[in-house]
């Protein structure tokens, strides 16, 4: 992707361009450590000859490399991106997200910024049209989609799957109102008012706002039939989903969990299961490649596809 090439230090640009970009999911840099590449669920070291399993072959990232990436990613204006930076990430054109670790500056109990950045994880978005095709018979009835929770660890393709589900809903049904709550700018990757990634012709996108804003004001103003959002991670997120489904809105969302048993054990998601908020649970894995479906479960967590 050109946008990633543009933010990389010169010493890494050519090496990155020689990689199979369509299969790259992450580029991870740590100061004074070898650069790592996540490729379809497997990790490698970035070397002068491409990818290597040998740590000693890895190109070492320096403090100057980290500064270069951050300055380029923010168009040399850290101040303009500080609201995102305070949350530990920066999302740039094309839906590329940079996860960031460093020294957190706190004043009067509030996070002001992150400085002396030591780690950057560049996550590469993928538009894979049709990746949700095989699960459609299990999450769609003849007349409507069913509320579905995508369950998987990080890096298994949850966001890619949600994006394609949004497109499939728009394509399969007659002019539905689909509302995409893109809190981190990764689903639709809106840039200057245009979606960089296709969520479908009938998708309305609220980008960069907390889910609380999207659920409250989106429900009021846009009258959605379907809401699509990612990474339910707080009790407030759970309550908003429950309220939306009670109002007759179909919700597609995702959570971080290894599998159904792991989901059951997490207290945060207990009420979702007990109250049958979701009609389907789709579990993803990287066993063969990112986005591999490990199983589909009904609202009672009974296996209906593997």
C-alpha atoms as a PDB file:
ATOM      1  CA  UNK A   1       0.000   0.000   0.000  1.00  0.00           C
ATOM      2  CA  UNK A   2       1.366   3.398  -1.022  1.00  0.00           C
ATOM      3  CA  UNK A   3       0.316   5.065   2.212  1.00  0.00           C
ATOM      4  CA  UNK A   4       2.462   2.685   4.266  1.00  0.00           C
ATOM      5  CA  UNK A   5       5.403   3.073   1.894  1.00  0.00           C
ATOM      6  CA  UNK A   6       5.156   6.840   2.309  1.00  0.00           C
ATOM      7  CA  UNK A   7       5.466   6.819   6.112  1.00  0.00           C
ATOM      8  CA  UNK A   8       8.351   4.342   6.343  1.00  0.00           C
ATOM      9  CA  UNK A   9      12.019   5.347   6.697  1.00  0.00           C
ATOM     10  CA  UNK A  10      13.963   5.100   3.457  1.00  0.00           C
ATOM     11  CA  UNK A  11      15.925   2.034   4.588  1.00  0.00           C
ATOM     12  CA  UNK A  12      12.660   0.064   4.991  1.00  0.00           C
ATOM     13  CA  UNK A  13      10.667   1.322   1.992  1.00  0.00           C
ATOM     14  CA  UNK A  14      12.222  -0.880  -0.683  1.00  0.00           C
ATOM     15  CA  UNK A  15      12.172  -3.941   1.578  1.00  0.00           C
ATOM     16  CA  UNK A  16       8.477  -3.398   2.312  1.00  0.00           C
ATOM     17  CA  UNK A  17       7.623  -3.026  -1.368  1.00  0.00           C
ATOM     18  CA  UNK A  18       9.227  -6.402  -2.059  1.00  0.00           C
ATOM     19  CA  UNK A  19       6.883  -8.161   0.357  1.00  0.00           C
ATOM     20  CA  UNK A  20       3.632  -9.887  -0.695  1.00  0.00           C
ATOM     21  CA  UNK A  21       1.614  -6.855   0.442  1.00  0.00           C
ATOM     22  CA  UNK A  22      -1.785  -8.528  -0.002  1.00  0.00           C
ATOM     23  CA  UNK A  23      -0.854 -11.028   2.735  1.00  0.00           C
ATOM     24  CA  UNK A  24       0.826  -8.619   5.177  1.00  0.00           C
ATOM     25  CA  UNK A  25      -1.284  -7.843   8.249  1.00  0.00           C
ATOM     26  CA  UNK A  26       1.186  -6.089  10.546  1.00  0.00           C
ATOM     27  CA  UNK A  27       4.571  -4.413  10.500  1.00  0.00           C
ATOM     28  CA  UNK A  28       5.895  -4.196  14.066  1.00  0.00           C
ATOM     29  CA  UNK A  29       8.822  -2.004  15.105  1.00  0.00           C
ATOM     30  CA  UNK A  30      10.503  -1.722  18.499  1.00  0.00           C
ATOM     31  CA  UNK A  31      13.455   0.555  19.233  1.00  0.00           C
ATOM     32  CA  UNK A  32      16.757  -1.336  19.035  1.00  0.00           C
ATOM     33  CA  UNK A  33      15.016  -4.616  18.098  1.00  0.00           C
ATOM     34  CA  UNK A  34      14.487  -6.506  14.817  1.00  0.00           C
ATOM     35  CA  UNK A  35      11.509  -5.418  12.724  1.00  0.00           C
ATOM     36  CA  UNK A  36       8.778  -8.067  12.515  1.00  0.00           C
ATOM     37  CA  UNK A  37       6.168  -8.782   9.852  1.00  0.00           C
ATOM     38  CA  UNK A  38       2.890 -10.649  10.444  1.00  0.00           C
ATOM     39  CA  UNK A  39       2.009 -12.515   7.287  1.00  0.00           C
ATOM     40  CA  UNK A  40      -1.360 -14.313   7.201  1.00  0.00           C
ATOM     41  CA  UNK A  41      -1.128 -15.376  10.848  1.00  0.00           C
ATOM     42  CA  UNK A  42       2.629 -16.108  10.961  1.00  0.00           C
ATOM     43  CA  UNK A  43       5.459 -13.853  12.156  1.00  0.00           C
ATOM     44  CA  UNK A  44       8.783 -13.255  10.416  1.00  0.00           C
ATOM     45  CA  UNK A  45      11.776 -10.949  10.758  1.00  0.00           C
ATOM     46  CA  UNK A  46      12.266  -8.327   8.043  1.00  0.00           C
ATOM     47  CA  UNK A  47      15.721  -8.816   6.513  1.00  0.00           C
ATOM     48  CA  UNK A  48      17.724  -7.449   3.593  1.00  0.00           C
ATOM     49  CA  UNK A  49      16.686 -10.558   1.653  1.00  0.00           C
ATOM     50  CA  UNK A  50      12.979 -10.361   2.484  1.00  0.00           C
ATOM     51  CA  UNK A  51      11.544 -12.414   5.336  1.00  0.00           C
ATOM     52  CA  UNK A  52      13.489 -14.644   7.707  1.00  0.00           C
ATOM     53  CA  UNK A  53      12.851 -16.945  10.662  1.00  0.00           C
ATOM     54  CA  UNK A  54      16.285 -16.028  12.026  1.00  0.00           C
ATOM     55  CA  UNK A  55      16.306 -13.128  14.491  1.00  0.00           C
ATOM     56  CA  UNK A  56      19.928 -12.298  13.651  1.00  0.00           C
ATOM     57  CA  UNK A  57      18.883 -11.496  10.046  1.00  0.00           C
ATOM     58  CA  UNK A  58      16.380  -8.866  11.146  1.00  0.00           C
ATOM     59  CA  UNK A  59      16.738  -5.168  10.314  1.00  0.00           C
ATOM     60  CA  UNK A  60      17.055  -3.211  13.563  1.00  0.00           C
ATOM     61  CA  UNK A  61      14.643  -0.326  14.159  1.00  0.00           C
ATOM     62  CA  UNK A  62      16.200   2.808  15.660  1.00  0.00           C
ATOM     63  CA  UNK A  63      14.806   5.741  17.613  1.00  0.00           C
ATOM     64  CA  UNK A  64      15.191   7.873  14.474  1.00  0.00           C
ATOM     65  CA  UNK A  65      13.111   5.331  12.519  1.00  0.00           C
ATOM     66  CA  UNK A  66      10.320   5.635  15.087  1.00  0.00           C
ATOM     67  CA  UNK A  67      10.399   9.420  14.978  1.00  0.00           C
ATOM     68  CA  UNK A  68      10.377   9.391  11.177  1.00  0.00           C
ATOM     69  CA  UNK A  69       7.284   7.178  11.029  1.00  0.00           C
ATOM     70  CA  UNK A  70       5.354   9.245  13.562  1.00  0.00           C
ATOM     71  CA  UNK A  71       6.238  12.565  11.932  1.00  0.00           C
ATOM     72  CA  UNK A  72       5.266  11.306   8.472  1.00  0.00           C
ATOM     73  CA  UNK A  73       2.066   9.664   9.720  1.00  0.00           C
ATOM     74  CA  UNK A  74       0.929  12.911  11.347  1.00  0.00           C
ATOM     75  CA  UNK A  75       2.010  15.105   8.420  1.00  0.00           C
ATOM     76  CA  UNK A  76       4.633  16.581  10.748  1.00  0.00           C
ATOM     77  CA  UNK A  77       1.954  17.876  13.122  1.00  0.00           C
ATOM     78  CA  UNK A  78       1.781  15.785  16.292  1.00  0.00           C
ATOM     79  CA  UNK A  79      -0.540  18.381  17.790  1.00  0.00           C
ATOM     80  CA  UNK A  80      -3.211  17.771  15.128  1.00  0.00           C
ATOM     81  CA  UNK A  81      -3.193  14.028  15.866  1.00  0.00           C
ATOM     82  CA  UNK A  82      -2.843  14.270  19.627  1.00  0.00           C
ATOM     83  CA  UNK A  83      -6.435  13.270  20.436  1.00  0.00           C
ATOM     84  CA  UNK A  84      -5.835   9.922  18.756  1.00  0.00           C
ATOM     85  CA  UNK A  85      -2.295   9.683  20.099  1.00  0.00           C
ATOM     86  CA  UNK A  86      -3.605   9.968  23.672  1.00  0.00           C
ATOM     87  CA  UNK A  87      -5.609   6.791  23.040  1.00  0.00           C
ATOM     88  CA  UNK A  88      -2.518   4.905  21.923  1.00  0.00           C
ATOM     89  CA  UNK A  89      -3.033   4.892  18.178  1.00  0.00           C
ATOM     90  CA  UNK A  90      -3.099   6.980  15.008  1.00  0.00           C
ATOM     91  CA  UNK A  91      -5.316   6.123  12.037  1.00  0.00           C
ATOM     92  CA  UNK A  92      -4.156   7.455   8.690  1.00  0.00           C
ATOM     93  CA  UNK A  93      -5.396   7.479   5.090  1.00  0.00           C
ATOM     94  CA  UNK A  94      -6.502   4.105   3.792  1.00  0.00           C
ATOM     95  CA  UNK A  95      -7.564   2.851   7.231  1.00  0.00           C
ATOM     96  CA  UNK A  96      -4.002   2.056   8.291  1.00  0.00           C
ATOM     97  CA  UNK A  97      -3.731   2.136  12.095  1.00  0.00           C
ATOM     98  CA  UNK A  98      -0.531   2.663  14.039  1.00  0.00           C
ATOM     99  CA  UNK A  99      -0.647   1.265  17.567  1.00  0.00           C
ATOM    100  CA  UNK A 100       1.809   3.128  19.775  1.00  0.00           C
ATOM    101  CA  UNK A 101       3.651   2.519  23.056  1.00  0.00           C
ATOM    102  CA  UNK A 102       5.837   5.032  24.887  1.00  0.00           C
ATOM    103  CA  UNK A 103       5.926   7.356  27.886  1.00  0.00           C
ATOM    104  CA  UNK A 104       2.444   8.532  28.840  1.00  0.00           C
ATOM    105  CA  UNK A 105       2.275  12.150  30.005  1.00  0.00           C
ATOM    106  CA  UNK A 106      -0.376  12.717  32.684  1.00  0.00           C
ATOM    107  CA  UNK A 107      -1.446  16.056  34.125  1.00  0.00           C
ATOM    108  CA  UNK A 108      -4.172  16.470  36.757  1.00  0.00           C
ATOM    109  CA  UNK A 109      -5.120  12.833  36.312  1.00  0.00           C
ATOM    110  CA  UNK A 110      -5.712  13.161  32.558  1.00  0.00           C
ATOM    111  CA  UNK A 111      -3.567  11.754  29.740  1.00  0.00           C
ATOM    112  CA  UNK A 112      -2.092  14.614  27.713  1.00  0.00           C
ATOM    113  CA  UNK A 113       0.025  12.778  25.147  1.00  0.00           C
ATOM    114  CA  UNK A 114       2.521   9.964  24.544  1.00  0.00           C
ATOM    115  CA  UNK A 115       6.189  10.850  24.036  1.00  0.00           C
ATOM    116  CA  UNK A 116       9.467   8.980  23.467  1.00  0.00           C
ATOM    117  CA  UNK A 117       7.677   6.355  21.400  1.00  0.00           C
ATOM    118  CA  UNK A 118       9.355   2.958  21.678  1.00  0.00           C
ATOM    119  CA  UNK A 119       6.991   0.619  19.791  1.00  0.00           C
ATOM    120  CA  UNK A 120       4.860   1.014  16.661  1.00  0.00           C
ATOM    121  CA  UNK A 121       2.535  -1.640  15.288  1.00  0.00           C
ATOM    122  CA  UNK A 122       1.374  -0.765  11.759  1.00  0.00           C
ATOM    123  CA  UNK A 123      -1.821  -2.696  11.055  1.00  0.00           C
ATOM    124  CA  UNK A 124      -2.645  -3.147   7.374  1.00  0.00           C
ATOM    125  CA  UNK A 125      -6.359  -3.194   6.416  1.00  0.00           C
ATOM    126  CA  UNK A 126      -7.605  -5.570   3.728  1.00  0.00           C
ATOM    127  CA  UNK A 127     -10.606  -5.320   1.421  1.00  0.00           C
ATOM    128  CA  UNK A 128     -11.394  -8.959   0.678  1.00  0.00           C
ATOM    129  CA  UNK A 129     -14.673  -8.957  -1.223  1.00  0.00           C
ATOM    130  CA  UNK A 130     -16.593 -12.159  -0.587  1.00  0.00           C
ATOM    131  CA  UNK A 131     -14.684 -13.298   2.516  1.00  0.00           C
ATOM    132  CA  UNK A 132     -18.039 -13.532   4.349  1.00  0.00           C
ATOM    133  CA  UNK A 133     -19.717 -15.459   1.538  1.00  0.00           C
ATOM    134  CA  UNK A 134     -19.468 -18.912   3.149  1.00  0.00           C
ATOM    135  CA  UNK A 135     -21.124 -17.782   6.388  1.00  0.00           C
ATOM    136  CA  UNK A 136     -24.029 -15.925   4.758  1.00  0.00           C
ATOM    137  CA  UNK A 137     -26.482 -18.879   4.852  1.00  0.00           C
ATOM    138  CA  UNK A 138     -26.002 -19.021   8.638  1.00  0.00           C
ATOM    139  CA  UNK A 139     -26.312 -15.310   9.443  1.00  0.00           C
ATOM    140  CA  UNK A 140     -29.034 -14.308   6.947  1.00  0.00           C
ATOM    141  CA  UNK A 141     -32.636 -15.480   6.738  1.00  0.00           C
ATOM    142  CA  UNK A 142     -34.634 -15.151   3.517  1.00  0.00           C
ATOM    143  CA  UNK A 143     -35.878 -11.744   4.608  1.00  0.00           C
ATOM    144  CA  UNK A 144     -33.343 -10.241   7.002  1.00  0.00           C
ATOM    145  CA  UNK A 145     -29.867 -10.529   8.527  1.00  0.00           C
ATOM    146  CA  UNK A 146     -29.438 -11.919  12.052  1.00  0.00           C
ATOM    147  CA  UNK A 147     -27.528 -10.126  14.820  1.00  0.00           C
ATOM    148  CA  UNK A 148     -24.086 -11.714  14.831  1.00  0.00           C
ATOM    149  CA  UNK A 149     -20.994 -11.493  17.027  1.00  0.00           C
ATOM    150  CA  UNK A 150     -17.592 -12.188  15.436  1.00  0.00           C
ATOM    151  CA  UNK A 151     -15.346 -13.893  18.015  1.00  0.00           C
ATOM    152  CA  UNK A 152     -11.559 -14.105  17.535  1.00  0.00           C
ATOM    153  CA  UNK A 153      -8.182 -13.108  18.969  1.00  0.00           C
ATOM    154  CA  UNK A 154      -6.440 -10.021  17.530  1.00  0.00           C
ATOM    155  CA  UNK A 155      -5.204 -10.369  13.961  1.00  0.00           C
ATOM    156  CA  UNK A 156      -7.737 -12.961  12.809  1.00  0.00           C
ATOM    157  CA  UNK A 157      -9.612 -10.758  10.348  1.00  0.00           C
ATOM    158  CA  UNK A 158     -12.607  -9.597  12.406  1.00  0.00           C
ATOM    159  CA  UNK A 159     -12.688  -6.101  10.893  1.00  0.00           C
ATOM    160  CA  UNK A 160     -12.223  -7.438   7.355  1.00  0.00           C
ATOM    161  CA  UNK A 161     -15.143  -9.817   7.914  1.00  0.00           C
ATOM    162  CA  UNK A 162     -17.381  -7.049   9.319  1.00  0.00           C
ATOM    163  CA  UNK A 163     -16.598  -4.841   6.328  1.00  0.00           C
ATOM    164  CA  UNK A 164     -17.631  -7.549   3.891  1.00  0.00           C
ATOM    165  CA  UNK A 165     -20.773  -8.318   5.898  1.00  0.00           C
ATOM    166  CA  UNK A 166     -21.723  -4.635   5.572  1.00  0.00           C
ATOM    167  CA  UNK A 167     -21.243  -4.835   1.803  1.00  0.00           C
ATOM    168  CA  UNK A 168     -23.204  -8.103   1.612  1.00  0.00           C
ATOM    169  CA  UNK A 169     -26.134  -6.614   3.571  1.00  0.00           C
ATOM    170  CA  UNK A 170     -26.239  -3.648   1.208  1.00  0.00           C
ATOM    171  CA  UNK A 171     -26.009  -5.911  -1.828  1.00  0.00           C
ATOM    172  CA  UNK A 172     -28.413  -8.653  -0.697  1.00  0.00           C
ATOM    173  CA  UNK A 173     -31.361  -6.617   0.545  1.00  0.00           C
ATOM    174  CA  UNK A 174     -33.404  -3.885  -1.077  1.00  0.00           C
ATOM    175  CA  UNK A 175     -31.917  -0.543   0.017  1.00  0.00           C
ATOM    176  CA  UNK A 176     -31.441  -1.205   3.754  1.00  0.00           C
ATOM    177  CA  UNK A 177     -30.182   1.500   6.073  1.00  0.00           C
ATOM    178  CA  UNK A 178     -26.795   0.304   7.339  1.00  0.00           C
ATOM    179  CA  UNK A 179     -24.993   2.377   9.973  1.00  0.00           C
ATOM    180  CA  UNK A 180     -21.262   1.718  10.414  1.00  0.00           C
ATOM    181  CA  UNK A 181     -19.840   2.952  13.715  1.00  0.00           C
ATOM    182  CA  UNK A 182     -16.158   3.223  12.817  1.00  0.00           C
ATOM    183  CA  UNK A 183     -14.639   4.388  16.094  1.00  0.00           C
ATOM    184  CA  UNK A 184     -11.009   3.809  15.067  1.00  0.00           C
ATOM    185  CA  UNK A 185     -11.412   4.517  11.360  1.00  0.00           C
ATOM    186  CA  UNK A 186     -10.579   0.953  10.343  1.00  0.00           C
ATOM    187  CA  UNK A 187     -13.817  -0.404   8.865  1.00  0.00           C
ATOM    188  CA  UNK A 188     -14.565   2.222   6.207  1.00  0.00           C
ATOM    189  CA  UNK A 189     -11.318   4.242   6.506  1.00  0.00           C
ATOM    190  CA  UNK A 190     -13.088   7.539   5.791  1.00  0.00           C
ATOM    191  CA  UNK A 191     -10.706  10.229   4.519  1.00  0.00           C
ATOM    192  CA  UNK A 192     -11.829  13.760   3.591  1.00  0.00           C
ATOM    193  CA  UNK A 193     -15.451  12.598   3.500  1.00  0.00           C
ATOM    194  CA  UNK A 194     -14.873   9.548   1.281  1.00  0.00           C
ATOM    195  CA  UNK A 195     -14.685   5.913   2.359  1.00  0.00           C
ATOM    196  CA  UNK A 196     -11.374   4.391   1.321  1.00  0.00           C
ATOM    197  CA  UNK A 197     -12.749   0.872   1.894  1.00  0.00           C
ATOM    198  CA  UNK A 198     -16.112  -0.232   0.495  1.00  0.00           C
ATOM    199  CA  UNK A 199     -18.818  -0.972   3.067  1.00  0.00           C
ATOM    200  CA  UNK A 200     -21.624  -0.996   0.522  1.00  0.00           C
ATOM    201  CA  UNK A 201     -23.760   1.544  -1.318  1.00  0.00           C
ATOM    202  CA  UNK A 202     -26.302   1.964   1.495  1.00  0.00           C
ATOM    203  CA  UNK A 203     -23.850   2.298   4.397  1.00  0.00           C
ATOM    204  CA  UNK A 204     -23.786   5.502   6.454  1.00  0.00           C
ATOM    205  CA  UNK A 205     -20.538   5.898   8.383  1.00  0.00           C
ATOM    206  CA  UNK A 206     -19.880   7.687  11.671  1.00  0.00           C
ATOM    207  CA  UNK A 207     -16.101   7.807  11.879  1.00  0.00           C
ATOM    208  CA  UNK A 208     -13.817   8.643  14.799  1.00  0.00           C
ATOM    209  CA  UNK A 209     -16.549   8.995  17.432  1.00  0.00           C
ATOM    210  CA  UNK A 210     -17.005   6.866  20.562  1.00  0.00           C
ATOM    211  CA  UNK A 211     -19.575   4.073  20.238  1.00  0.00           C
ATOM    212  CA  UNK A 212     -21.733   5.871  22.810  1.00  0.00           C
ATOM    213  CA  UNK A 213     -22.171   8.784  20.387  1.00  0.00           C
ATOM    214  CA  UNK A 214     -22.821   6.479  17.447  1.00  0.00           C
ATOM    215  CA  UNK A 215     -25.435   4.371  19.166  1.00  0.00           C
ATOM    216  CA  UNK A 216     -27.242   7.293  20.803  1.00  0.00           C
ATOM    217  CA  UNK A 217     -27.299   9.832  17.989  1.00  0.00           C
ATOM    218  CA  UNK A 218     -27.062   7.383  15.108  1.00  0.00           C
ATOM    219  CA  UNK A 219     -30.181   5.546  16.263  1.00  0.00           C
ATOM    220  CA  UNK A 220     -32.046   8.821  16.620  1.00  0.00           C
ATOM    221  CA  UNK A 221     -31.026  10.519  13.406  1.00  0.00           C
ATOM    222  CA  UNK A 222     -30.319   7.786  10.850  1.00  0.00           C
ATOM    223  CA  UNK A 223     -32.998   5.170  11.647  1.00  0.00           C
ATOM    224  CA  UNK A 224     -30.749   2.216  10.830  1.00  0.00           C
ATOM    225  CA  UNK A 225     -31.981  -1.291  10.101  1.00  0.00           C
ATOM    226  CA  UNK A 226     -28.471  -2.641  10.738  1.00  0.00           C
ATOM    227  CA  UNK A 227     -25.596  -1.366  12.882  1.00  0.00           C
ATOM    228  CA  UNK A 228     -22.050  -2.606  12.305  1.00  0.00           C
ATOM    229  CA  UNK A 229     -19.281  -1.898  14.789  1.00  0.00           C
ATOM    230  CA  UNK A 230     -16.148  -3.580  16.071  1.00  0.00           C
ATOM    231  CA  UNK A 231     -14.464  -4.482  19.355  1.00  0.00           C
ATOM    232  CA  UNK A 232     -17.088  -4.449  22.108  1.00  0.00           C
ATOM    233  CA  UNK A 233     -14.856  -3.962  25.132  1.00  0.00           C
ATOM    234  CA  UNK A 234     -16.782  -2.196  27.904  1.00  0.00           C
ATOM    235  CA  UNK A 235     -19.977  -2.689  29.892  1.00  0.00           C
ATOM    236  CA  UNK A 236     -21.327   0.459  28.224  1.00  0.00           C
ATOM    237  CA  UNK A 237     -20.742  -1.097  24.785  1.00  0.00           C
ATOM    238  CA  UNK A 238     -22.723  -4.168  25.841  1.00  0.00           C
ATOM    239  CA  UNK A 239     -25.650  -2.097  27.122  1.00  0.00           C
ATOM    240  CA  UNK A 240     -25.800  -0.064  23.914  1.00  0.00           C
ATOM    241  CA  UNK A 241     -25.930  -3.224  21.804  1.00  0.00           C
ATOM    242  CA  UNK A 242     -28.690  -4.644  23.995  1.00  0.00           C
ATOM    243  CA  UNK A 243     -30.704  -1.437  23.677  1.00  0.00           C
ATOM    244  CA  UNK A 244     -30.295  -1.424  19.901  1.00  0.00           C
ATOM    245  CA  UNK A 245     -31.432  -5.038  19.470  1.00  0.00           C
ATOM    246  CA  UNK A 246     -34.411  -4.419  21.786  1.00  0.00           C
ATOM    247  CA  UNK A 247     -35.377  -1.629  19.372  1.00  0.00           C
ATOM    248  CA  UNK A 248     -35.420  -4.107  16.507  1.00  0.00           C
ATOM    249  CA  UNK A 249     -32.061  -3.142  15.023  1.00  0.00           C
ATOM    250  CA  UNK A 250     -29.795  -5.935  13.775  1.00  0.00           C
ATOM    251  CA  UNK A 251     -26.249  -5.596  15.137  1.00  0.00           C
ATOM    252  CA  UNK A 252     -23.026  -7.049  13.761  1.00  0.00           C
ATOM    253  CA  UNK A 253     -20.054  -6.620  16.100  1.00  0.00           C
ATOM    254  CA  UNK A 254     -16.831  -8.276  17.238  1.00  0.00           C
ATOM    255  CA  UNK A 255     -15.039  -9.184  20.467  1.00  0.00           C
ATOM    256  CA  UNK A 256     -11.580 -10.388  21.436  1.00  0.00           C
ATOM    257  CA  UNK A 257     -11.797 -13.981  22.655  1.00  0.00           C
ATOM    258  CA  UNK A 258      -9.979 -17.154  21.647  1.00  0.00           C
ATOM    259  CA  UNK A 259     -13.096 -19.272  21.179  1.00  0.00           C
ATOM    260  CA  UNK A 260     -16.621 -19.840  22.493  1.00  0.00           C
ATOM    261  CA  UNK A 261     -15.363 -21.292  25.792  1.00  0.00           C
ATOM    262  CA  UNK A 262     -13.195 -18.223  26.324  1.00  0.00           C
ATOM    263  CA  UNK A 263     -16.204 -16.006  25.570  1.00  0.00           C
ATOM    264  CA  UNK A 264     -18.312 -17.868  28.143  1.00  0.00           C
ATOM    265  CA  UNK A 265     -15.643 -17.334  30.816  1.00  0.00           C
ATOM    266  CA  UNK A 266     -15.466 -13.548  30.358  1.00  0.00           C
ATOM    267  CA  UNK A 267     -17.849 -11.861  32.848  1.00  0.00           C
ATOM    268  CA  UNK A 268     -18.252  -8.863  30.537  1.00  0.00           C
ATOM    269  CA  UNK A 269     -20.040 -10.930  27.890  1.00  0.00           C
ATOM    270  CA  UNK A 270     -22.102 -13.084  30.235  1.00  0.00           C
ATOM    271  CA  UNK A 271     -25.334 -11.126  29.782  1.00  0.00           C
ATOM    272  CA  UNK A 272     -24.998 -11.187  25.995  1.00  0.00           C
ATOM    273  CA  UNK A 273     -25.100 -14.971  26.110  1.00  0.00           C
ATOM    274  CA  UNK A 274     -27.707 -15.309  28.871  1.00  0.00           C
ATOM    275  CA  UNK A 275     -30.115 -12.868  27.227  1.00  0.00           C
ATOM    276  CA  UNK A 276     -29.548 -14.278  23.706  1.00  0.00           C
ATOM    277  CA  UNK A 277     -28.748 -10.802  22.377  1.00  0.00           C
ATOM    278  CA  UNK A 278     -26.960 -12.266  19.357  1.00  0.00           C
ATOM    279  CA  UNK A 279     -28.577 -14.907  17.184  1.00  0.00           C
ATOM    280  CA  UNK A 280     -25.260 -16.127  15.783  1.00  0.00           C
ATOM    281  CA  UNK A 281     -21.627 -16.334  16.922  1.00  0.00           C
ATOM    282  CA  UNK A 282     -18.921 -16.718  14.268  1.00  0.00           C
ATOM    283  CA  UNK A 283     -15.521 -17.848  15.558  1.00  0.00           C
ATOM    284  CA  UNK A 284     -12.453 -17.005  13.455  1.00  0.00           C
ATOM    285  CA  UNK A 285      -8.946 -18.432  13.602  1.00  0.00           C
ATOM    286  CA  UNK A 286      -5.633 -18.171  11.744  1.00  0.00           C
ATOM    287  CA  UNK A 287      -5.213 -21.956  11.515  1.00  0.00           C
ATOM    288  CA  UNK A 288      -4.978 -21.936   7.719  1.00  0.00           C
ATOM    289  CA  UNK A 289      -4.993 -18.203   7.082  1.00  0.00           C
ATOM    290  CA  UNK A 290      -6.411 -15.100   8.770  1.00  0.00           C
ATOM    291  CA  UNK A 291     -10.208 -15.120   8.659  1.00  0.00           C
ATOM    292  CA  UNK A 292     -10.617 -18.908   8.678  1.00  0.00           C
ATOM    293  CA  UNK A 293     -14.018 -19.848  10.156  1.00  0.00           C
ATOM    294  CA  UNK A 294     -13.540 -22.258  13.072  1.00  0.00           C
ATOM    295  CA  UNK A 295     -17.243 -22.578  13.857  1.00  0.00           C
ATOM    296  CA  UNK A 296     -20.668 -20.922  13.821  1.00  0.00           C
ATOM    297  CA  UNK A 297     -22.932 -21.150  16.881  1.00  0.00           C
ATOM    298  CA  UNK A 298     -26.587 -20.267  17.435  1.00  0.00           C
ATOM    299  CA  UNK A 299     -27.937 -18.052  20.214  1.00  0.00           C
ATOM    300  CA  UNK A 300     -27.750 -20.936  22.688  1.00  0.00           C
ATOM    301  CA  UNK A 301     -24.107 -21.505  21.706  1.00  0.00           C
ATOM    302  CA  UNK A 302     -25.034 -24.749  19.970  1.00  0.00           C
ATOM    303  CA  UNK A 303     -22.664 -25.529  17.107  1.00  0.00           C
ATOM    304  CA  UNK A 304     -24.435 -25.242  13.742  1.00  0.00           C
ATOM    305  CA  UNK A 305     -21.435 -25.167  11.375  1.00  0.00           C
ATOM    306  CA  UNK A 306     -17.769 -26.168  11.489  1.00  0.00           C
END
